[in-house]
ModelCIF file with pLDDT and N, C-alpha, C, O atoms, coordinates in Angstrom:
data_MODEL
#
_entry.id   MODEL 
#
_entity.id                         1 
_entity.type                       polymer 
_entity.pdbx_number_of_molecules   1 
#
_entity_poly.entity_id                      1 
_entity_poly.type                           'polypeptide(L)' 
_entity_poly.nstd_linkage                   no 
_entity_poly.nstd_monomer                   no 
_entity_poly.pdbx_seq_one_letter_code       RFGGLTALQNVTFGVDAGIASIIGPNGAGKTTLFNVFTGLYVPDEGEV 
_entity_poly.pdbx_seq_one_letter_code_can   RFGGLTALQNVTFGVDAGIASIIGPNGAGKTTLFNVFTGLYVPDEGEV 
_entity_poly.pdbx_strand_id                 A 
#
loop_
_entity_poly_seq.entity_id 
_entity_poly_seq.num 
_entity_poly_seq.mon_id 
_entity_poly_seq.hetero 
1 1  ARG n 
1 2  PHE n 
1 3  GLY n 
1 4  GLY n 
1 5  LEU n 
1 6  THR n 
1 7  ALA n 
1 8  LEU n 
1 9  GLN n 
1 10 ASN n 
1 11 VAL n 
1 12 THR n 
1 13 PHE n 
1 14 GLY n 
1 15 VAL n 
1 16 ASP n 
1 17 ALA n 
1 18 GLY n 
1 19 ILE n 
1 20 ALA n 
1 21 SER n 
1 22 ILE n 
1 23 ILE n 
1 24 GLY n 
1 25 PRO n 
1 26 ASN n 
1 27 GLY n 
1 28 ALA n 
1 29 GLY n 
1 30 LYS n 
1 31 THR n 
1 32 THR n 
1 33 LEU n 
1 34 PHE n 
1 35 ASN n 
1 36 VAL n 
1 37 PHE n 
1 38 THR n 
1 39 GLY n 
1 40 LEU n 
1 41 TYR n 
1 42 VAL n 
1 43 PRO n 
1 44 ASP n 
1 45 GLU n 
1 46 GLY n 
1 47 GLU n 
1 48 VAL n 
#
_struct_asym.id          A 
_struct_asym.entity_id   1 
#
loop_
_ma_qa_metric.id 
_ma_qa_metric.mode 
_ma_qa_metric.name 
_ma_qa_metric.software_group_id 
_ma_qa_metric.type 
1 global pLDDT . pLDDT 
2 local  pLDDT . pLDDT 
#
_ma_qa_metric_global.metric_id      1 
_ma_qa_metric_global.metric_value   94.65 
_ma_qa_metric_global.model_id       1 
_ma_qa_metric_global.ordinal_id     1 
#
loop_
_ma_qa_metric_local.label_asym_id 
_ma_qa_metric_local.label_comp_id 
_ma_qa_metric_local.label_seq_id 
_ma_qa_metric_local.metric_id 
_ma_qa_metric_local.metric_value 
_ma_qa_metric_local.model_id 
_ma_qa_metric_local.ordinal_id 
A ARG 1  2 96.00 1 1  
A PHE 2  2 95.00 1 2  
A GLY 3  2 91.00 1 3  
A GLY 4  2 89.00 1 4  
A LEU 5  2 93.00 1 5  
A THR 6  2 95.00 1 6  
A ALA 7  2 96.00 1 7  
A LEU 8  2 97.00 1 8  
A GLN 9  2 97.00 1 9  
A ASN 10 2 97.00 1 10 
A VAL 11 2 97.00 1 11 
A THR 12 2 97.00 1 12 
A PHE 13 2 96.00 1 13 
A GLY 14 2 94.00 1 14 
A VAL 15 2 95.00 1 15 
A ASP 16 2 94.00 1 16 
A ALA 17 2 94.00 1 17 
A GLY 18 2 95.00 1 18 
A ILE 19 2 96.00 1 19 
A ALA 20 2 96.00 1 20 
A SER 21 2 95.00 1 21 
A ILE 22 2 95.00 1 22 
A ILE 23 2 93.00 1 23 
A GLY 24 2 91.00 1 24 
A PRO 25 2 88.00 1 25 
A ASN 26 2 87.00 1 26 
A GLY 27 2 88.00 1 27 
A ALA 28 2 92.00 1 28 
A GLY 29 2 94.00 1 29 
A LYS 30 2 94.00 1 30 
A THR 31 2 93.00 1 31 
A THR 32 2 95.00 1 32 
A LEU 33 2 96.00 1 33 
A PHE 34 2 95.00 1 34 
A ASN 35 2 95.00 1 35 
A VAL 36 2 97.00 1 36 
A PHE 37 2 97.00 1 37 
A THR 38 2 95.00 1 38 
A GLY 39 2 95.00 1 39 
A LEU 40 2 95.00 1 40 
A TYR 41 2 96.00 1 41 
A VAL 42 2 96.00 1 42 
A PRO 43 2 97.00 1 43 
A ASP 44 2 97.00 1 44 
A GLU 45 2 97.00 1 45 
A GLY 46 2 97.00 1 46 
A GLU 47 2 96.00 1 47 
A VAL 48 2 97.00 1 48 
#
loop_
_atom_site.group_PDB 
_atom_site.id 
_atom_site.type_symbol 
_atom_site.label_atom_id 
_atom_site.label_alt_id 
_atom_site.label_comp_id 
_atom_site.label_asym_id 
_atom_site.label_entity_id 
_atom_site.label_seq_id 
_atom_site.pdbx_PDB_ins_code 
_atom_site.Cartn_x 
_atom_site.Cartn_y 
_atom_site.Cartn_z 
_atom_site.occupancy 
_atom_site.B_iso_or_equiv 
_atom_site.pdbx_formal_charge 
_atom_site.auth_seq_id 
_atom_site.auth_comp_id 
_atom_site.auth_asym_id 
_atom_site.auth_atom_id 
_atom_site.pdbx_PDB_model_num 
ATOM 1   N N  . ARG A 1 1  ? -3.671  -74.431 -28.298 1.00 96.00 ? 1  ARG A N  1 
ATOM 2   C CA . ARG A 1 1  ? -3.181  -75.364 -28.328 1.00 96.00 ? 1  ARG A CA 1 
ATOM 3   C C  . ARG A 1 1  ? -2.996  -75.979 -29.407 1.00 96.00 ? 1  ARG A C  1 
ATOM 4   O O  . ARG A 1 1  ? -3.681  -75.552 -30.337 1.00 96.00 ? 1  ARG A O  1 
ATOM 5   N N  . PHE A 1 2  ? -2.188  -77.001 -29.686 1.00 95.00 ? 2  PHE A N  1 
ATOM 6   C CA . PHE A 1 2  ? -1.924  -78.054 -30.969 1.00 95.00 ? 2  PHE A CA 1 
ATOM 7   C C  . PHE A 1 2  ? -1.788  -79.315 -30.320 1.00 95.00 ? 2  PHE A C  1 
ATOM 8   O O  . PHE A 1 2  ? -0.872  -79.694 -29.590 1.00 95.00 ? 2  PHE A O  1 
ATOM 9   N N  . GLY A 1 3  ? -2.812  -79.912 -30.679 1.00 91.00 ? 3  GLY A N  1 
ATOM 10  C CA . GLY A 1 3  ? -2.705  -81.365 -29.882 1.00 91.00 ? 3  GLY A CA 1 
ATOM 11  C C  . GLY A 1 3  ? -2.683  -81.308 -28.531 1.00 91.00 ? 3  GLY A C  1 
ATOM 12  O O  . GLY A 1 3  ? -3.423  -80.552 -27.902 1.00 91.00 ? 3  GLY A O  1 
ATOM 13  N N  . GLY A 1 4  ? -1.708  -82.219 -27.903 1.00 89.00 ? 4  GLY A N  1 
ATOM 14  C CA . GLY A 1 4  ? -1.324  -81.940 -26.385 1.00 89.00 ? 4  GLY A CA 1 
ATOM 15  C C  . GLY A 1 4  ? -0.467  -80.708 -26.294 1.00 89.00 ? 4  GLY A C  1 
ATOM 16  O O  . GLY A 1 4  ? -0.111  -80.496 -25.135 1.00 89.00 ? 4  GLY A O  1 
ATOM 17  N N  . LEU A 1 5  ? -0.039  -79.850 -27.155 1.00 93.00 ? 5  LEU A N  1 
ATOM 18  C CA . LEU A 1 5  ? 1.021   -79.204 -27.040 1.00 93.00 ? 5  LEU A CA 1 
ATOM 19  C C  . LEU A 1 5  ? 0.083   -77.930 -26.641 1.00 93.00 ? 5  LEU A C  1 
ATOM 20  O O  . LEU A 1 5  ? -0.877  -77.738 -27.387 1.00 93.00 ? 5  LEU A O  1 
ATOM 21  N N  . THR A 1 6  ? 0.284   -76.941 -25.418 1.00 95.00 ? 6  THR A N  1 
ATOM 22  C CA . THR A 1 6  ? 0.023   -75.487 -25.230 1.00 95.00 ? 6  THR A CA 1 
ATOM 23  C C  . THR A 1 6  ? 0.969   -74.925 -25.880 1.00 95.00 ? 6  THR A C  1 
ATOM 24  O O  . THR A 1 6  ? 2.121   -75.239 -25.582 1.00 95.00 ? 6  THR A O  1 
ATOM 25  N N  . ALA A 1 7  ? 0.733   -73.948 -26.935 1.00 96.00 ? 7  ALA A N  1 
ATOM 26  C CA . ALA A 1 7  ? 1.851   -73.346 -27.275 1.00 96.00 ? 7  ALA A CA 1 
ATOM 27  C C  . ALA A 1 7  ? 1.810   -71.745 -26.458 1.00 96.00 ? 7  ALA A C  1 
ATOM 28  O O  . ALA A 1 7  ? 2.798   -71.196 -25.970 1.00 96.00 ? 7  ALA A O  1 
ATOM 29  N N  . LEU A 1 8  ? 0.292   -71.156 -26.470 1.00 97.00 ? 8  LEU A N  1 
ATOM 30  C CA . LEU A 1 8  ? 0.224   -70.034 -25.531 1.00 97.00 ? 8  LEU A CA 1 
ATOM 31  C C  . LEU A 1 8  ? -0.874  -69.997 -24.577 1.00 97.00 ? 8  LEU A C  1 
ATOM 32  O O  . LEU A 1 8  ? -2.028  -70.340 -24.835 1.00 97.00 ? 8  LEU A O  1 
ATOM 33  N N  . GLN A 1 9  ? -0.539  -69.651 -23.693 1.00 97.00 ? 9  GLN A N  1 
ATOM 34  C CA . GLN A 1 9  ? -1.257  -69.588 -21.827 1.00 97.00 ? 9  GLN A CA 1 
ATOM 35  C C  . GLN A 1 9  ? -2.133  -68.697 -21.627 1.00 97.00 ? 9  GLN A C  1 
ATOM 36  O O  . GLN A 1 9  ? -2.158  -68.600 -20.400 1.00 97.00 ? 9  GLN A O  1 
ATOM 37  N N  . ASN A 1 10 ? -2.635  -68.208 -21.914 1.00 97.00 ? 10 ASN A N  1 
ATOM 38  C CA . ASN A 1 10 ? -3.636  -66.761 -21.314 1.00 97.00 ? 10 ASN A CA 1 
ATOM 39  C C  . ASN A 1 10 ? -2.604  -65.637 -21.445 1.00 97.00 ? 10 ASN A C  1 
ATOM 40  O O  . ASN A 1 10 ? -2.198  -64.962 -20.499 1.00 97.00 ? 10 ASN A O  1 
ATOM 41  N N  . VAL A 1 11 ? -2.268  -65.526 -22.575 1.00 97.00 ? 11 VAL A N  1 
ATOM 42  C CA . VAL A 1 11 ? -1.215  -63.948 -23.155 1.00 97.00 ? 11 VAL A CA 1 
ATOM 43  C C  . VAL A 1 11 ? -2.578  -63.390 -23.322 1.00 97.00 ? 11 VAL A C  1 
ATOM 44  O O  . VAL A 1 11 ? -3.627  -63.804 -23.816 1.00 97.00 ? 11 VAL A O  1 
ATOM 45  N N  . THR A 1 12 ? -2.082  -62.001 -22.572 1.00 97.00 ? 12 THR A N  1 
ATOM 46  C CA . THR A 1 12 ? -2.605  -60.751 -22.484 1.00 97.00 ? 12 THR A CA 1 
ATOM 47  C C  . THR A 1 12 ? -2.055  -59.661 -22.887 1.00 97.00 ? 12 THR A C  1 
ATOM 48  O O  . THR A 1 12 ? -1.439  -59.190 -21.930 1.00 97.00 ? 12 THR A O  1 
ATOM 49  N N  . PHE A 1 13 ? -1.934  -58.902 -23.954 1.00 96.00 ? 13 PHE A N  1 
ATOM 50  C CA . PHE A 1 13 ? -0.958  -57.831 -24.486 1.00 96.00 ? 13 PHE A CA 1 
ATOM 51  C C  . PHE A 1 13 ? -1.757  -56.782 -25.392 1.00 96.00 ? 13 PHE A C  1 
ATOM 52  O O  . PHE A 1 13 ? -2.633  -57.287 -26.095 1.00 96.00 ? 13 PHE A O  1 
ATOM 53  N N  . GLY A 1 14 ? -1.614  -55.634 -25.464 1.00 94.00 ? 14 GLY A N  1 
ATOM 54  C CA . GLY A 1 14 ? -1.862  -54.378 -26.092 1.00 94.00 ? 14 GLY A CA 1 
ATOM 55  C C  . GLY A 1 14 ? -1.289  -53.120 -26.598 1.00 94.00 ? 14 GLY A C  1 
ATOM 56  O O  . GLY A 1 14 ? -0.611  -52.629 -25.695 1.00 94.00 ? 14 GLY A O  1 
ATOM 57  N N  . VAL A 1 15 ? -1.275  -52.477 -27.531 1.00 95.00 ? 15 VAL A N  1 
ATOM 58  C CA . VAL A 1 15 ? -0.793  -51.418 -27.703 1.00 95.00 ? 15 VAL A CA 1 
ATOM 59  C C  . VAL A 1 15 ? -1.739  -50.018 -28.056 1.00 95.00 ? 15 VAL A C  1 
ATOM 60  O O  . VAL A 1 15 ? -2.886  -50.285 -28.415 1.00 95.00 ? 15 VAL A O  1 
ATOM 61  N N  . ASP A 1 16 ? -1.418  -48.708 -28.000 1.00 94.00 ? 16 ASP A N  1 
ATOM 62  C CA . ASP A 1 16 ? -2.022  -47.828 -28.396 1.00 94.00 ? 16 ASP A CA 1 
ATOM 63  C C  . ASP A 1 16 ? -1.401  -47.119 -29.016 1.00 94.00 ? 16 ASP A C  1 
ATOM 64  O O  . ASP A 1 16 ? -2.003  -46.869 -30.060 1.00 94.00 ? 16 ASP A O  1 
ATOM 65  N N  . ALA A 1 17 ? 0.063   -46.340 -28.915 1.00 94.00 ? 17 ALA A N  1 
ATOM 66  C CA . ALA A 1 17 ? 0.829   -45.819 -29.601 1.00 94.00 ? 17 ALA A CA 1 
ATOM 67  C C  . ALA A 1 17 ? 2.053   -46.514 -29.665 1.00 94.00 ? 17 ALA A C  1 
ATOM 68  O O  . ALA A 1 17 ? 2.374   -47.497 -28.997 1.00 94.00 ? 17 ALA A O  1 
ATOM 69  N N  . GLY A 1 18 ? 2.631   -45.992 -30.421 1.00 95.00 ? 18 GLY A N  1 
ATOM 70  C CA . GLY A 1 18 ? 4.115   -46.407 -30.108 1.00 95.00 ? 18 GLY A CA 1 
ATOM 71  C C  . GLY A 1 18 ? 4.797   -47.355 -30.736 1.00 95.00 ? 18 GLY A C  1 
ATOM 72  O O  . GLY A 1 18 ? 4.219   -47.928 -31.659 1.00 95.00 ? 18 GLY A O  1 
ATOM 73  N N  . ILE A 1 19 ? 6.318   -47.788 -30.360 1.00 96.00 ? 19 ILE A N  1 
ATOM 74  C CA . ILE A 1 19 ? 6.532   -49.237 -30.510 1.00 96.00 ? 19 ILE A CA 1 
ATOM 75  C C  . ILE A 1 19 ? 6.998   -50.179 -29.274 1.00 96.00 ? 19 ILE A C  1 
ATOM 76  O O  . ILE A 1 19 ? 7.867   -49.861 -28.462 1.00 96.00 ? 19 ILE A O  1 
ATOM 77  N N  . ALA A 1 20 ? 6.172   -51.558 -29.275 1.00 96.00 ? 20 ALA A N  1 
ATOM 78  C CA . ALA A 1 20 ? 6.286   -52.692 -28.339 1.00 96.00 ? 20 ALA A CA 1 
ATOM 79  C C  . ALA A 1 20 ? 6.909   -53.087 -29.093 1.00 96.00 ? 20 ALA A C  1 
ATOM 80  O O  . ALA A 1 20 ? 7.082   -52.645 -30.229 1.00 96.00 ? 20 ALA A O  1 
ATOM 81  N N  . SER A 1 21 ? 7.437   -54.141 -28.522 1.00 95.00 ? 21 SER A N  1 
ATOM 82  C CA . SER A 1 21 ? 7.729   -55.216 -28.627 1.00 95.00 ? 21 SER A CA 1 
ATOM 83  C C  . SER A 1 21 ? 7.568   -56.863 -27.878 1.00 95.00 ? 21 SER A C  1 
ATOM 84  O O  . SER A 1 21 ? 6.982   -57.105 -26.822 1.00 95.00 ? 21 SER A O  1 
ATOM 85  N N  . ILE A 1 22 ? 8.156   -57.689 -28.626 1.00 95.00 ? 22 ILE A N  1 
ATOM 86  C CA . ILE A 1 22 ? 7.542   -59.132 -28.073 1.00 95.00 ? 22 ILE A CA 1 
ATOM 87  C C  . ILE A 1 22 ? 8.959   -59.929 -28.435 1.00 95.00 ? 22 ILE A C  1 
ATOM 88  O O  . ILE A 1 22 ? 9.466   -60.139 -29.537 1.00 95.00 ? 22 ILE A O  1 
ATOM 89  N N  . ILE A 1 23 ? 9.391   -60.278 -27.166 1.00 93.00 ? 23 ILE A N  1 
ATOM 90  C CA . ILE A 1 23 ? 10.671  -61.001 -27.249 1.00 93.00 ? 23 ILE A CA 1 
ATOM 91  C C  . ILE A 1 23 ? 11.038  -62.010 -26.318 1.00 93.00 ? 23 ILE A C  1 
ATOM 92  O O  . ILE A 1 23 ? 10.713  -61.701 -25.171 1.00 93.00 ? 23 ILE A O  1 
ATOM 93  N N  . GLY A 1 24 ? 11.650  -63.201 -26.428 1.00 91.00 ? 24 GLY A N  1 
ATOM 94  C CA . GLY A 1 24 ? 11.181  -64.648 -25.859 1.00 91.00 ? 24 GLY A CA 1 
ATOM 95  C C  . GLY A 1 24 ? 12.468  -65.391 -26.404 1.00 91.00 ? 24 GLY A C  1 
ATOM 96  O O  . GLY A 1 24 ? 12.931  -64.973 -27.466 1.00 91.00 ? 24 GLY A O  1 
ATOM 97  N N  . PRO A 1 25 ? 12.941  -66.205 -25.923 1.00 88.00 ? 25 PRO A N  1 
ATOM 98  C CA . PRO A 1 25 ? 13.841  -67.305 -26.281 1.00 88.00 ? 25 PRO A CA 1 
ATOM 99  C C  . PRO A 1 25 ? 13.170  -68.326 -27.822 1.00 88.00 ? 25 PRO A C  1 
ATOM 100 O O  . PRO A 1 25 ? 11.948  -68.357 -27.968 1.00 88.00 ? 25 PRO A O  1 
ATOM 101 N N  . ASN A 1 26 ? 13.857  -68.896 -28.594 1.00 87.00 ? 26 ASN A N  1 
ATOM 102 C CA . ASN A 1 26 ? 13.236  -70.092 -29.506 1.00 87.00 ? 26 ASN A CA 1 
ATOM 103 C C  . ASN A 1 26 ? 11.883  -70.531 -28.881 1.00 87.00 ? 26 ASN A C  1 
ATOM 104 O O  . ASN A 1 26 ? 11.842  -70.167 -27.706 1.00 87.00 ? 26 ASN A O  1 
ATOM 105 N N  . GLY A 1 27 ? 10.874  -71.125 -29.234 1.00 88.00 ? 27 GLY A N  1 
ATOM 106 C CA . GLY A 1 27 ? 9.604   -71.738 -29.383 1.00 88.00 ? 27 GLY A CA 1 
ATOM 107 C C  . GLY A 1 27 ? 8.772   -70.973 -28.319 1.00 88.00 ? 27 GLY A C  1 
ATOM 108 O O  . GLY A 1 27 ? 7.806   -71.465 -27.736 1.00 88.00 ? 27 GLY A O  1 
ATOM 109 N N  . ALA A 1 28 ? 9.138   -70.012 -28.172 1.00 92.00 ? 28 ALA A N  1 
ATOM 110 C CA . ALA A 1 28 ? 8.534   -68.954 -26.622 1.00 92.00 ? 28 ALA A CA 1 
ATOM 111 C C  . ALA A 1 28 ? 6.877   -68.943 -27.048 1.00 92.00 ? 28 ALA A C  1 
ATOM 112 O O  . ALA A 1 28 ? 6.019   -69.256 -26.223 1.00 92.00 ? 28 ALA A O  1 
ATOM 113 N N  . GLY A 1 29 ? 6.572   -68.571 -28.338 1.00 94.00 ? 29 GLY A N  1 
ATOM 114 C CA . GLY A 1 29 ? 4.869   -68.658 -28.768 1.00 94.00 ? 29 GLY A CA 1 
ATOM 115 C C  . GLY A 1 29 ? 4.861   -67.153 -29.524 1.00 94.00 ? 29 GLY A C  1 
ATOM 116 O O  . GLY A 1 29 ? 3.891   -66.396 -29.554 1.00 94.00 ? 29 GLY A O  1 
ATOM 117 N N  . LYS A 1 30 ? 6.255   -66.891 -30.162 1.00 94.00 ? 30 LYS A N  1 
ATOM 118 C CA . LYS A 1 30 ? 6.211   -65.292 -30.858 1.00 94.00 ? 30 LYS A CA 1 
ATOM 119 C C  . LYS A 1 30 ? 5.252   -65.352 -31.788 1.00 94.00 ? 30 LYS A C  1 
ATOM 120 O O  . LYS A 1 30 ? 4.093   -64.938 -31.757 1.00 94.00 ? 30 LYS A O  1 
ATOM 121 N N  . THR A 1 31 ? 5.906   -65.960 -32.690 1.00 93.00 ? 31 THR A N  1 
ATOM 122 C CA . THR A 1 31 ? 5.171   -65.844 -34.002 1.00 93.00 ? 31 THR A CA 1 
ATOM 123 C C  . THR A 1 31 ? 4.005   -66.493 -34.059 1.00 93.00 ? 31 THR A C  1 
ATOM 124 O O  . THR A 1 31 ? 3.300   -66.439 -35.067 1.00 93.00 ? 31 THR A O  1 
ATOM 125 N N  . THR A 1 32 ? 3.676   -67.171 -32.997 1.00 95.00 ? 32 THR A N  1 
ATOM 126 C CA . THR A 1 32 ? 2.325   -68.126 -32.852 1.00 95.00 ? 32 THR A CA 1 
ATOM 127 C C  . THR A 1 32 ? 1.151   -66.683 -32.373 1.00 95.00 ? 32 THR A C  1 
ATOM 128 O O  . THR A 1 32 ? 0.027   -66.419 -32.802 1.00 95.00 ? 32 THR A O  1 
ATOM 129 N N  . LEU A 1 33 ? 1.825   -66.133 -31.555 1.00 96.00 ? 33 LEU A N  1 
ATOM 130 C CA . LEU A 1 33 ? 1.003   -65.018 -31.106 1.00 96.00 ? 33 LEU A CA 1 
ATOM 131 C C  . LEU A 1 33 ? 0.650   -64.100 -31.916 1.00 96.00 ? 33 LEU A C  1 
ATOM 132 O O  . LEU A 1 33 ? -0.210  -63.300 -31.548 1.00 96.00 ? 33 LEU A O  1 
ATOM 133 N N  . PHE A 1 34 ? 1.305   -63.983 -33.379 1.00 95.00 ? 34 PHE A N  1 
ATOM 134 C CA . PHE A 1 34 ? 1.577   -62.647 -33.973 1.00 95.00 ? 34 PHE A CA 1 
ATOM 135 C C  . PHE A 1 34 ? -0.107  -63.581 -35.248 1.00 95.00 ? 34 PHE A C  1 
ATOM 136 O O  . PHE A 1 34 ? -1.130  -63.195 -35.814 1.00 95.00 ? 34 PHE A O  1 
ATOM 137 N N  . ASN A 1 35 ? 0.537   -64.674 -35.076 1.00 95.00 ? 35 ASN A N  1 
ATOM 138 C CA . ASN A 1 35 ? -0.663  -65.322 -36.163 1.00 95.00 ? 35 ASN A CA 1 
ATOM 139 C C  . ASN A 1 35 ? -2.120  -65.198 -35.426 1.00 95.00 ? 35 ASN A C  1 
ATOM 140 O O  . ASN A 1 35 ? -3.138  -64.750 -35.952 1.00 95.00 ? 35 ASN A O  1 
ATOM 141 N N  . VAL A 1 36 ? -2.011  -65.622 -34.292 1.00 97.00 ? 36 VAL A N  1 
ATOM 142 C CA . VAL A 1 36 ? -3.408  -65.369 -34.055 1.00 97.00 ? 36 VAL A CA 1 
ATOM 143 C C  . VAL A 1 36 ? -3.816  -63.977 -34.303 1.00 97.00 ? 36 VAL A C  1 
ATOM 144 O O  . VAL A 1 36 ? -4.741  -63.762 -35.086 1.00 97.00 ? 36 VAL A O  1 
ATOM 145 N N  . PHE A 1 37 ? -3.175  -62.957 -33.670 1.00 97.00 ? 37 PHE A N  1 
ATOM 146 C CA . PHE A 1 37 ? -3.791  -61.329 -33.763 1.00 97.00 ? 37 PHE A CA 1 
ATOM 147 C C  . PHE A 1 37 ? -4.010  -61.324 -35.329 1.00 97.00 ? 37 PHE A C  1 
ATOM 148 O O  . PHE A 1 37 ? -5.091  -60.855 -35.684 1.00 97.00 ? 37 PHE A O  1 
ATOM 149 N N  . THR A 1 38 ? -3.265  -61.715 -36.199 1.00 95.00 ? 38 THR A N  1 
ATOM 150 C CA . THR A 1 38 ? -3.229  -61.494 -37.793 1.00 95.00 ? 38 THR A CA 1 
ATOM 151 C C  . THR A 1 38 ? -4.484  -62.919 -38.774 1.00 95.00 ? 38 THR A C  1 
ATOM 152 O O  . THR A 1 38 ? -4.391  -63.348 -39.924 1.00 95.00 ? 38 THR A O  1 
ATOM 153 N N  . GLY A 1 39 ? -5.184  -63.147 -38.026 1.00 95.00 ? 39 GLY A N  1 
ATOM 154 C CA . GLY A 1 39 ? -6.380  -64.433 -38.569 1.00 95.00 ? 39 GLY A CA 1 
ATOM 155 C C  . GLY A 1 39 ? -5.807  -65.627 -38.891 1.00 95.00 ? 39 GLY A C  1 
ATOM 156 O O  . GLY A 1 39 ? -6.532  -66.574 -39.196 1.00 95.00 ? 39 GLY A O  1 
ATOM 157 N N  . LEU A 1 40 ? -4.353  -65.758 -38.867 1.00 95.00 ? 40 LEU A N  1 
ATOM 158 C CA . LEU A 1 40 ? -3.858  -67.233 -39.312 1.00 95.00 ? 40 LEU A CA 1 
ATOM 159 C C  . LEU A 1 40 ? -4.530  -68.231 -38.135 1.00 95.00 ? 40 LEU A C  1 
ATOM 160 O O  . LEU A 1 40 ? -5.289  -69.180 -38.332 1.00 95.00 ? 40 LEU A O  1 
ATOM 161 N N  . TYR A 1 41 ? -4.186  -67.890 -37.267 1.00 96.00 ? 41 TYR A N  1 
ATOM 162 C CA . TYR A 1 41 ? -5.084  -69.094 -36.507 1.00 96.00 ? 41 TYR A CA 1 
ATOM 163 C C  . TYR A 1 41 ? -5.902  -68.238 -35.399 1.00 96.00 ? 41 TYR A C  1 
ATOM 164 O O  . TYR A 1 41 ? -5.770  -67.221 -34.717 1.00 96.00 ? 41 TYR A O  1 
ATOM 165 N N  . VAL A 1 42 ? -6.771  -69.217 -35.629 1.00 96.00 ? 42 VAL A N  1 
ATOM 166 C CA . VAL A 1 42 ? -7.864  -68.711 -34.142 1.00 96.00 ? 42 VAL A CA 1 
ATOM 167 C C  . VAL A 1 42 ? -7.277  -69.538 -33.150 1.00 96.00 ? 42 VAL A C  1 
ATOM 168 O O  . VAL A 1 42 ? -6.674  -70.594 -33.337 1.00 96.00 ? 42 VAL A O  1 
ATOM 169 N N  . PRO A 1 43 ? -7.549  -68.861 -31.894 1.00 97.00 ? 43 PRO A N  1 
ATOM 170 C CA . PRO A 1 43 ? -7.282  -69.214 -30.199 1.00 97.00 ? 43 PRO A CA 1 
ATOM 171 C C  . PRO A 1 43 ? -8.026  -69.875 -30.004 1.00 97.00 ? 43 PRO A C  1 
ATOM 172 O O  . PRO A 1 43 ? -9.108  -69.923 -30.588 1.00 97.00 ? 43 PRO A O  1 
ATOM 173 N N  . ASP A 1 44 ? -7.658  -70.562 -29.138 1.00 97.00 ? 44 ASP A N  1 
ATOM 174 C CA . ASP A 1 44 ? -8.522  -71.290 -28.307 1.00 97.00 ? 44 ASP A CA 1 
ATOM 175 C C  . ASP A 1 44 ? -9.448  -71.044 -27.185 1.00 97.00 ? 44 ASP A C  1 
ATOM 176 O O  . ASP A 1 44 ? -10.382 -71.768 -26.840 1.00 97.00 ? 44 ASP A O  1 
ATOM 177 N N  . GLU A 1 45 ? -8.972  -69.649 -26.528 1.00 97.00 ? 45 GLU A N  1 
ATOM 178 C CA . GLU A 1 45 ? -9.364  -69.341 -25.777 1.00 97.00 ? 45 GLU A CA 1 
ATOM 179 C C  . GLU A 1 45 ? -9.027  -67.903 -25.891 1.00 97.00 ? 45 GLU A C  1 
ATOM 180 O O  . GLU A 1 45 ? -7.943  -67.588 -26.382 1.00 97.00 ? 45 GLU A O  1 
ATOM 181 N N  . GLY A 1 46 ? -9.682  -67.199 -25.569 1.00 97.00 ? 46 GLY A N  1 
ATOM 182 C CA . GLY A 1 46 ? -9.410  -65.331 -25.572 1.00 97.00 ? 46 GLY A CA 1 
ATOM 183 C C  . GLY A 1 46 ? -10.060 -64.525 -26.469 1.00 97.00 ? 46 GLY A C  1 
ATOM 184 O O  . GLY A 1 46 ? -10.986 -65.026 -27.107 1.00 97.00 ? 46 GLY A O  1 
ATOM 185 N N  . GLU A 1 47 ? -9.817  -63.579 -26.617 1.00 96.00 ? 47 GLU A N  1 
ATOM 186 C CA . GLU A 1 47 ? -9.804  -62.571 -27.474 1.00 96.00 ? 47 GLU A CA 1 
ATOM 187 C C  . GLU A 1 47 ? -9.262  -61.413 -28.078 1.00 96.00 ? 47 GLU A C  1 
ATOM 188 O O  . GLU A 1 47 ? -8.245  -60.990 -27.529 1.00 96.00 ? 47 GLU A O  1 
ATOM 189 N N  . VAL A 1 48 ? -9.760  -60.654 -29.277 1.00 97.00 ? 48 VAL A N  1 
ATOM 190 C CA . VAL A 1 48 ? -8.606  -59.804 -29.979 1.00 97.00 ? 48 VAL A CA 1 
ATOM 191 C C  . VAL A 1 48 ? -9.497  -58.597 -30.571 1.00 97.00 ? 48 VAL A C  1 
ATOM 192 O O  . VAL A 1 48 ? -8.962  -57.690 -31.209 1.00 97.00 ? 48 VAL A O  1 
#
């Protein structure tokens, strides 16, 4: 969440091998999710 905006809501995702893509319209939360994955953002809930 960013203030009153929920940018990601209960997202679960994983990869073991190969190529996995994350798609969605502009503003869907894709880059925010990447930022959580790589430590730029700390999630309010959930684990990586």
